[in-house]
Amino acid sequence: MVRGLNHVTERSARELPGPVVRRLPKYLTLVQHLREGGVEWVSSADVARALGLTGSTVRQDLSHLKVSGLSRRGYRVAELERVLARVLGADRTWKVVIVGAGNLGQALAKHGDLQRHGFEICGIFDVDRRVIGRKVGALKVMAFSEVDGVVKERGVRLGIIAVPAWAAQEVADRLVAAGIKGVLNLAYANVLVRPGVAVVNARILESLQELVYMVRLGVADRGERR
């Protein structure tokens, strides 16, 4: 069964182990697809197979959320989705700015799934005069000097860095000073932020290198089994 949503407190959510937190978005994406496909119940074994995990890992992860399945039926998909969405904050809208209007930044700005999953892109910014003023989807590229005002006026809490590595730290500093509380850093350089600000570094190159390792040595079964 899935207990009342209020049973998962903010404190208990903050205390979730890092590996569990990294798997929760995968669970949420899966159950959303299941619900959209008309599936009402899902077992831990089905979840495990779909995500390349073990059944015990799935059960342990969901137990952190005070979620338990029914014998022979598993978990009710709609209720599991609500719990996961609440813990991940996916039950509300999050305002985002993108810094860097190159190919990657533009692709993100036009990524329909972000909007469908509760992320409102409030602006895309760059320092290159050649791209400032251009339309990217429904947005117009703004000068980076305007980012402070947009963040403060719109109450933006998340920022995506899609700039060259040498510019990443300066961009991060500017975003944090403007009031950004969470940074998704897509640059090939780590950024330092003050306490109280969250950073997630996403490295496409490192993921490809990991993939090459698994393919080259024939250890593909290691993928996603974490």
C-alpha atoms as a PDB file:
ATOM      1  CA  MET A   1       0.000   0.000   0.000  1.00  0.00           C
ATOM      2  CA  VAL A   2       0.974   3.642  -0.333  1.00  0.00           C
ATOM      3  CA  ARG A   3       0.577   5.596   2.859  1.00  0.00           C
ATOM      4  CA  GLY A   4      -0.680   9.151   3.125  1.00  0.00           C
ATOM      5  CA  LEU A   5       1.454  11.604   1.185  1.00  0.00           C
ATOM      6  CA  ASN A   6       2.045  13.741   4.262  1.00  0.00           C
ATOM      7  CA  HIS A   7       3.813  10.770   5.867  1.00  0.00           C
ATOM      8  CA  VAL A   8       6.895  11.611   3.788  1.00  0.00           C
ATOM      9  CA  THR A   9       8.149  14.666   5.644  1.00  0.00           C
ATOM     10  CA  GLU A  10      10.565  17.273   4.330  1.00  0.00           C
ATOM     11  CA  ARG A  11      13.049  16.098   6.945  1.00  0.00           C
ATOM     12  CA  SER A  12      12.873  12.459   5.877  1.00  0.00           C
ATOM     13  CA  ALA A  13      13.187  13.502   2.223  1.00  0.00           C
ATOM     14  CA  ARG A  14      16.348  15.486   3.011  1.00  0.00           C
ATOM     15  CA  GLU A  15      17.875  12.437   4.689  1.00  0.00           C
ATOM     16  CA  LEU A  16      17.545  10.133   1.669  1.00  0.00           C
ATOM     17  CA  PRO A  17      20.869   8.529   0.626  1.00  0.00           C
ATOM     18  CA  GLY A  18      22.434  10.027  -2.503  1.00  0.00           C
ATOM     19  CA  PRO A  19      22.155   6.863  -4.648  1.00  0.00           C
ATOM     20  CA  VAL A  20      18.443   6.631  -3.805  1.00  0.00           C
ATOM     21  CA  VAL A  21      17.862  10.263  -4.776  1.00  0.00           C
ATOM     22  CA  ARG A  22      19.560   9.672  -8.136  1.00  0.00           C
ATOM     23  CA  ARG A  23      17.226   6.754  -8.868  1.00  0.00           C
ATOM     24  CA  LEU A  24      13.974   8.498  -7.897  1.00  0.00           C
ATOM     25  CA  PRO A  25      13.629  10.487 -11.161  1.00  0.00           C
ATOM     26  CA  LYS A  26      13.949   7.212 -13.084  1.00  0.00           C
ATOM     27  CA  TYR A  27      11.154   5.684 -11.021  1.00  0.00           C
ATOM     28  CA  LEU A  28       8.984   8.737 -11.619  1.00  0.00           C
ATOM     29  CA  THR A  29       9.561   8.720 -15.385  1.00  0.00           C
ATOM     30  CA  LEU A  30       8.732   5.021 -15.531  1.00  0.00           C
ATOM     31  CA  VAL A  31       5.484   5.236 -13.555  1.00  0.00           C
ATOM     32  CA  GLN A  32       4.399   8.283 -15.571  1.00  0.00           C
ATOM     33  CA  HIS A  33       4.799   6.266 -18.762  1.00  0.00           C
ATOM     34  CA  LEU A  34       2.952   3.343 -17.195  1.00  0.00           C
ATOM     35  CA  ARG A  35       0.041   5.549 -16.128  1.00  0.00           C
ATOM     36  CA  GLU A  36      -0.150   7.132 -19.572  1.00  0.00           C
ATOM     37  CA  GLY A  37      -0.283   3.607 -21.000  1.00  0.00           C
ATOM     38  CA  GLY A  38      -3.220   2.672 -18.790  1.00  0.00           C
ATOM     39  CA  VAL A  39      -1.261   0.485 -16.348  1.00  0.00           C
ATOM     40  CA  GLU A  40      -2.732   0.578 -12.829  1.00  0.00           C
ATOM     41  CA  TRP A  41      -0.387  -1.700 -10.883  1.00  0.00           C
ATOM     42  CA  VAL A  42       3.335  -2.436 -11.145  1.00  0.00           C
ATOM     43  CA  SER A  43       5.508  -4.909  -9.252  1.00  0.00           C
ATOM     44  CA  SER A  44       9.002  -4.294  -7.930  1.00  0.00           C
ATOM     45  CA  ALA A  45      10.213  -6.999 -10.330  1.00  0.00           C
ATOM     46  CA  ASP A  46       8.726  -5.130 -13.300  1.00  0.00           C
ATOM     47  CA  VAL A  47      10.318  -1.867 -12.163  1.00  0.00           C
ATOM     48  CA  ALA A  48      13.644  -3.624 -11.643  1.00  0.00           C
ATOM     49  CA  ARG A  49      13.611  -5.144 -15.128  1.00  0.00           C
ATOM     50  CA  ALA A  50      12.681  -1.851 -16.755  1.00  0.00           C
ATOM     51  CA  LEU A  51      15.474   0.072 -15.033  1.00  0.00           C
ATOM     52  CA  GLY A  52      18.194  -2.557 -14.849  1.00  0.00           C
ATOM     53  CA  LEU A  53      18.045  -2.809 -11.058  1.00  0.00           C
ATOM     54  CA  THR A  54      17.343  -5.611  -8.608  1.00  0.00           C
ATOM     55  CA  GLY A  55      13.965  -6.131  -6.999  1.00  0.00           C
ATOM     56  CA  SER A  56      15.471  -5.701  -3.535  1.00  0.00           C
ATOM     57  CA  THR A  57      16.965  -2.336  -4.526  1.00  0.00           C
ATOM     58  CA  VAL A  58      13.573  -1.125  -5.738  1.00  0.00           C
ATOM     59  CA  ARG A  59      11.816  -2.270  -2.570  1.00  0.00           C
ATOM     60  CA  GLN A  60      14.459  -0.704  -0.332  1.00  0.00           C
ATOM     61  CA  ASP A  61      14.359   2.579  -2.238  1.00  0.00           C
ATOM     62  CA  LEU A  62      10.578   2.830  -2.046  1.00  0.00           C
ATOM     63  CA  SER A  63      10.595   1.880   1.632  1.00  0.00           C
ATOM     64  CA  HIS A  64      12.514   5.123   2.269  1.00  0.00           C
ATOM     65  CA  LEU A  65       9.403   6.880   0.959  1.00  0.00           C
ATOM     66  CA  LYS A  66       7.157   4.893   3.323  1.00  0.00           C
ATOM     67  CA  VAL A  67       5.773   3.040   0.305  1.00  0.00           C
ATOM     68  CA  SER A  68       4.985  -0.666   0.428  1.00  0.00           C
ATOM     69  CA  GLY A  69       3.364  -2.833  -2.220  1.00  0.00           C
ATOM     70  CA  LEU A  70       0.531  -5.338  -1.989  1.00  0.00           C
ATOM     71  CA  SER A  71       1.264  -9.026  -2.271  1.00  0.00           C
ATOM     72  CA  ARG A  72       0.742 -10.297  -5.841  1.00  0.00           C
ATOM     73  CA  ARG A  73      -0.247  -6.837  -7.066  1.00  0.00           C
ATOM     74  CA  GLY A  74       2.679  -4.568  -6.355  1.00  0.00           C
ATOM     75  CA  TYR A  75       2.294  -0.794  -6.224  1.00  0.00           C
ATOM     76  CA  ARG A  76      -0.634   1.292  -7.402  1.00  0.00           C
ATOM     77  CA  VAL A  77       0.890   3.342 -10.218  1.00  0.00           C
ATOM     78  CA  ALA A  78      -1.093   6.564  -9.719  1.00  0.00           C
ATOM     79  CA  GLU A  79      -0.393   6.729  -5.990  1.00  0.00           C
ATOM     80  CA  LEU A  80       3.272   5.874  -6.434  1.00  0.00           C
ATOM     81  CA  GLU A  81       3.542   8.650  -9.000  1.00  0.00           C
ATOM     82  CA  ARG A  82       2.036  11.155  -6.566  1.00  0.00           C
ATOM     83  CA  VAL A  83       4.478  10.223  -3.798  1.00  0.00           C
ATOM     84  CA  LEU A  84       7.498  10.373  -6.096  1.00  0.00           C
ATOM     85  CA  ALA A  85       6.362  13.683  -7.585  1.00  0.00           C
ATOM     86  CA  ARG A  86       5.898  15.176  -4.131  1.00  0.00           C
ATOM     87  CA  VAL A  87       9.318  14.083  -2.877  1.00  0.00           C
ATOM     88  CA  LEU A  88      11.050  15.320  -6.050  1.00  0.00           C
ATOM     89  CA  GLY A  89       9.085  18.564  -6.159  1.00  0.00           C
ATOM     90  CA  ALA A  90       7.620  17.571  -9.520  1.00  0.00           C
ATOM     91  CA  ASP A  91       4.127  18.425  -8.304  1.00  0.00           C
ATOM     92  CA  ARG A  92       4.801  22.139  -8.776  1.00  0.00           C
ATOM     93  CA  THR A  93       6.281  24.474 -11.390  1.00  0.00           C
ATOM     94  CA  TRP A  94       9.973  25.396 -11.241  1.00  0.00           C
ATOM     95  CA  LYS A  95      11.232  28.488 -13.026  1.00  0.00           C
ATOM     96  CA  VAL A  96      14.508  28.120 -14.915  1.00  0.00           C
ATOM     97  CA  VAL A  97      16.949  30.336 -16.789  1.00  0.00           C
ATOM     98  CA  ILE A  98      19.457  29.067 -19.356  1.00  0.00           C
ATOM     99  CA  VAL A  99      22.816  30.775 -19.826  1.00  0.00           C
ATOM    100  CA  GLY A 100      24.405  29.986 -23.162  1.00  0.00           C
ATOM    101  CA  ALA A 101      22.483  30.239 -26.429  1.00  0.00           C
ATOM    102  CA  GLY A 102      24.645  27.857 -28.417  1.00  0.00           C
ATOM    103  CA  ASN A 103      23.342  24.617 -29.869  1.00  0.00           C
ATOM    104  CA  LEU A 104      22.955  22.967 -26.461  1.00  0.00           C
ATOM    105  CA  GLY A 105      21.258  25.920 -24.804  1.00  0.00           C
ATOM    106  CA  GLN A 106      18.871  26.360 -27.720  1.00  0.00           C
ATOM    107  CA  ALA A 107      17.999  22.670 -27.727  1.00  0.00           C
ATOM    108  CA  LEU A 108      17.131  22.851 -24.034  1.00  0.00           C
ATOM    109  CA  ALA A 109      15.051  25.995 -24.494  1.00  0.00           C
ATOM    110  CA  LYS A 110      12.992  24.221 -27.161  1.00  0.00           C
ATOM    111  CA  HIS A 111      12.774  20.926 -25.266  1.00  0.00           C
ATOM    112  CA  GLY A 112       9.043  20.355 -24.877  1.00  0.00           C
ATOM    113  CA  ASP A 113       9.456  17.707 -22.185  1.00  0.00           C
ATOM    114  CA  LEU A 114      10.859  20.280 -19.763  1.00  0.00           C
ATOM    115  CA  GLN A 115       7.674  22.321 -19.931  1.00  0.00           C
ATOM    116  CA  ARG A 116       5.490  19.224 -19.750  1.00  0.00           C
ATOM    117  CA  HIS A 117       7.248  18.148 -16.573  1.00  0.00           C
ATOM    118  CA  GLY A 118       6.851  21.398 -14.695  1.00  0.00           C
ATOM    119  CA  PHE A 119       9.886  23.456 -15.733  1.00  0.00           C
ATOM    120  CA  GLU A 120       9.102  26.954 -16.983  1.00  0.00           C
ATOM    121  CA  ILE A 121      11.942  28.423 -19.042  1.00  0.00           C
ATOM    122  CA  CYS A 122      11.899  32.110 -18.137  1.00  0.00           C
ATOM    123  CA  GLY A 123      14.784  33.212 -20.311  1.00  0.00           C
ATOM    124  CA  ILE A 124      17.851  32.259 -22.318  1.00  0.00           C
ATOM    125  CA  PHE A 125      20.917  34.500 -22.121  1.00  0.00           C
ATOM    126  CA  ASP A 126      24.214  35.014 -23.915  1.00  0.00           C
ATOM    127  CA  VAL A 127      27.038  37.546 -24.263  1.00  0.00           C
ATOM    128  CA  ASP A 128      27.397  37.132 -28.026  1.00  0.00           C
ATOM    129  CA  ARG A 129      25.826  40.104 -29.788  1.00  0.00           C
ATOM    130  CA  ARG A 130      25.291  37.943 -32.872  1.00  0.00           C
ATOM    131  CA  VAL A 131      22.692  35.801 -31.088  1.00  0.00           C
ATOM    132  CA  ILE A 132      21.160  38.349 -28.709  1.00  0.00           C
ATOM    133  CA  GLY A 133      17.679  39.181 -29.949  1.00  0.00           C
ATOM    134  CA  ARG A 134      17.226  35.974 -31.931  1.00  0.00           C
ATOM    135  CA  LYS A 135      14.152  33.850 -31.353  1.00  0.00           C
ATOM    136  CA  VAL A 136      14.630  30.433 -29.792  1.00  0.00           C
ATOM    137  CA  GLY A 137      11.275  28.739 -29.763  1.00  0.00           C
ATOM    138  CA  ALA A 138       8.944  31.125 -27.946  1.00  0.00           C
ATOM    139  CA  LEU A 139      11.847  32.973 -26.289  1.00  0.00           C
ATOM    140  CA  LYS A 140      14.131  35.761 -27.410  1.00  0.00           C
ATOM    141  CA  VAL A 141      17.806  35.534 -26.463  1.00  0.00           C
ATOM    142  CA  MET A 142      18.639  38.247 -23.936  1.00  0.00           C
ATOM    143  CA  ALA A 143      21.944  39.804 -22.944  1.00  0.00           C
ATOM    144  CA  PHE A 144      23.563  38.080 -19.972  1.00  0.00           C
ATOM    145  CA  SER A 145      23.624  41.445 -18.196  1.00  0.00           C
ATOM    146  CA  GLU A 146      19.837  41.158 -17.875  1.00  0.00           C
ATOM    147  CA  VAL A 147      19.844  37.850 -16.007  1.00  0.00           C
ATOM    148  CA  ASP A 148      19.841  39.412 -12.520  1.00  0.00           C
ATOM    149  CA  GLY A 149      16.649  41.324 -13.153  1.00  0.00           C
ATOM    150  CA  VAL A 150      14.825  38.358 -14.674  1.00  0.00           C
ATOM    151  CA  VAL A 151      15.799  36.036 -11.821  1.00  0.00           C
ATOM    152  CA  LYS A 152      14.639  38.493  -9.180  1.00  0.00           C
ATOM    153  CA  GLU A 153      11.494  39.701 -10.943  1.00  0.00           C
ATOM    154  CA  ARG A 154      10.279  36.225 -11.931  1.00  0.00           C
ATOM    155  CA  GLY A 155      11.354  34.436  -8.753  1.00  0.00           C
ATOM    156  CA  VAL A 156      13.567  32.005 -10.677  1.00  0.00           C
ATOM    157  CA  ARG A 157      15.264  29.358  -8.530  1.00  0.00           C
ATOM    158  CA  LEU A 158      17.074  27.160 -11.059  1.00  0.00           C
ATOM    159  CA  GLY A 159      19.788  27.956 -13.570  1.00  0.00           C
ATOM    160  CA  ILE A 160      21.297  25.886 -16.381  1.00  0.00           C
ATOM    161  CA  ILE A 161      24.873  26.637 -17.446  1.00  0.00           C
ATOM    162  CA  ALA A 162      25.547  25.784 -21.102  1.00  0.00           C
ATOM    163  CA  VAL A 163      28.680  27.818 -21.765  1.00  0.00           C
ATOM    164  CA  PRO A 164      32.358  27.010 -22.466  1.00  0.00           C
ATOM    165  CA  ALA A 165      34.335  25.695 -19.494  1.00  0.00           C
ATOM    166  CA  TRP A 166      36.338  28.893 -19.064  1.00  0.00           C
ATOM    167  CA  ALA A 167      33.165  30.935 -18.502  1.00  0.00           C
ATOM    168  CA  ALA A 168      31.322  28.520 -16.213  1.00  0.00           C
ATOM    169  CA  GLN A 169      32.508  29.833 -12.842  1.00  0.00           C
ATOM    170  CA  GLU A 170      31.746  33.447 -13.691  1.00  0.00           C
ATOM    171  CA  VAL A 171      28.256  32.467 -14.819  1.00  0.00           C
ATOM    172  CA  ALA A 172      27.686  30.430 -11.664  1.00  0.00           C
ATOM    173  CA  ASP A 173      28.799  33.332  -9.470  1.00  0.00           C
ATOM    174  CA  ARG A 174      26.436  35.697 -11.255  1.00  0.00           C
ATOM    175  CA  LEU A 175      23.485  33.300 -11.009  1.00  0.00           C
ATOM    176  CA  VAL A 176      24.018  32.646  -7.311  1.00  0.00           C
ATOM    177  CA  ALA A 177      24.380  36.369  -6.595  1.00  0.00           C
ATOM    178  CA  ALA A 178      21.066  36.938  -8.378  1.00  0.00           C
ATOM    179  CA  GLY A 179      19.324  34.430  -6.115  1.00  0.00           C
ATOM    180  CA  ILE A 180      19.524  31.104  -7.950  1.00  0.00           C
ATOM    181  CA  LYS A 181      19.333  28.156  -5.522  1.00  0.00           C
ATOM    182  CA  GLY A 182      20.141  25.263  -7.851  1.00  0.00           C
ATOM    183  CA  VAL A 183      22.532  24.986 -10.802  1.00  0.00           C
ATOM    184  CA  LEU A 184      22.639  22.355 -13.536  1.00  0.00           C
ATOM    185  CA  ASN A 185      26.162  22.702 -14.892  1.00  0.00           C
ATOM    186  CA  LEU A 186      26.647  21.350 -18.410  1.00  0.00           C
ATOM    187  CA  ALA A 187      30.084  22.936 -18.881  1.00  0.00           C
ATOM    188  CA  TYR A 188      33.197  20.741 -18.820  1.00  0.00           C
ATOM    189  CA  ALA A 189      34.454  22.364 -15.622  1.00  0.00           C
ATOM    190  CA  ASN A 190      33.292  22.092 -12.039  1.00  0.00           C
ATOM    191  CA  VAL A 191      31.928  25.233 -10.431  1.00  0.00           C
ATOM    192  CA  LEU A 192      32.119  26.250  -6.791  1.00  0.00           C
ATOM    193  CA  VAL A 193      29.113  27.787  -5.044  1.00  0.00           C
ATOM    194  CA  ARG A 194      28.396  28.924  -1.535  1.00  0.00           C
ATOM    195  CA  PRO A 195      26.688  26.687   1.045  1.00  0.00           C
ATOM    196  CA  GLY A 196      22.948  26.409   0.542  1.00  0.00           C
ATOM    197  CA  VAL A 197      23.152  26.313  -3.249  1.00  0.00           C
ATOM    198  CA  ALA A 198      22.869  22.944  -5.002  1.00  0.00           C
ATOM    199  CA  VAL A 199      24.927  21.970  -8.045  1.00  0.00           C
ATOM    200  CA  VAL A 200      24.520  19.004 -10.388  1.00  0.00           C
ATOM    201  CA  ASN A 201      27.303  18.474 -12.916  1.00  0.00           C
ATOM    202  CA  ALA A 202      26.191  16.643 -16.065  1.00  0.00           C
ATOM    203  CA  ARG A 203      28.998  15.369 -18.253  1.00  0.00           C
ATOM    204  CA  ILE A 204      28.048  13.951 -21.656  1.00  0.00           C
ATOM    205  CA  LEU A 205      31.702  13.237 -22.464  1.00  0.00           C
ATOM    206  CA  GLU A 206      32.237  11.315 -19.223  1.00  0.00           C
ATOM    207  CA  SER A 207      29.081   9.292 -19.831  1.00  0.00           C
ATOM    208  CA  LEU A 208      30.310   8.411 -23.318  1.00  0.00           C
ATOM    209  CA  GLN A 209      33.695   7.384 -21.922  1.00  0.00           C
ATOM    210  CA  GLU A 210      31.970   5.158 -19.373  1.00  0.00           C
ATOM    211  CA  LEU A 211      29.885   3.671 -22.181  1.00  0.00           C
ATOM    212  CA  VAL A 212      32.988   2.967 -24.281  1.00  0.00           C
ATOM    213  CA  TYR A 213      34.589   1.214 -21.301  1.00  0.00           C
ATOM    214  CA  MET A 214      31.568  -1.066 -20.880  1.00  0.00           C
ATOM    215  CA  VAL A 215      31.337  -1.860 -24.597  1.00  0.00           C
ATOM    216  CA  ARG A 216      35.074  -2.373 -25.084  1.00  0.00           C
ATOM    217  CA  LEU A 217      35.430  -4.768 -22.146  1.00  0.00           C
ATOM    218  CA  GLY A 218      32.091  -6.511 -22.580  1.00  0.00           C
ATOM    219  CA  VAL A 219      30.690  -5.405 -19.228  1.00  0.00           C
ATOM    220  CA  ALA A 220      27.463  -3.906 -20.546  1.00  0.00           C
ATOM    221  CA  ASP A 221      25.492  -5.566 -17.746  1.00  0.00           C
ATOM    222  CA  ARG A 222      26.954  -3.005 -15.344  1.00  0.00           C
ATOM    223  CA  GLY A 223      24.889  -0.240 -16.857  1.00  0.00           C
ATOM    224  CA  GLU A 224      22.241   1.258 -14.564  1.00  0.00           C
ATOM    225  CA  ARG A 225      22.801  -1.402 -11.903  1.00  0.00           C
ATOM    226  CA  ARG A 226      23.539   0.961  -9.058  1.00  0.00           C
END
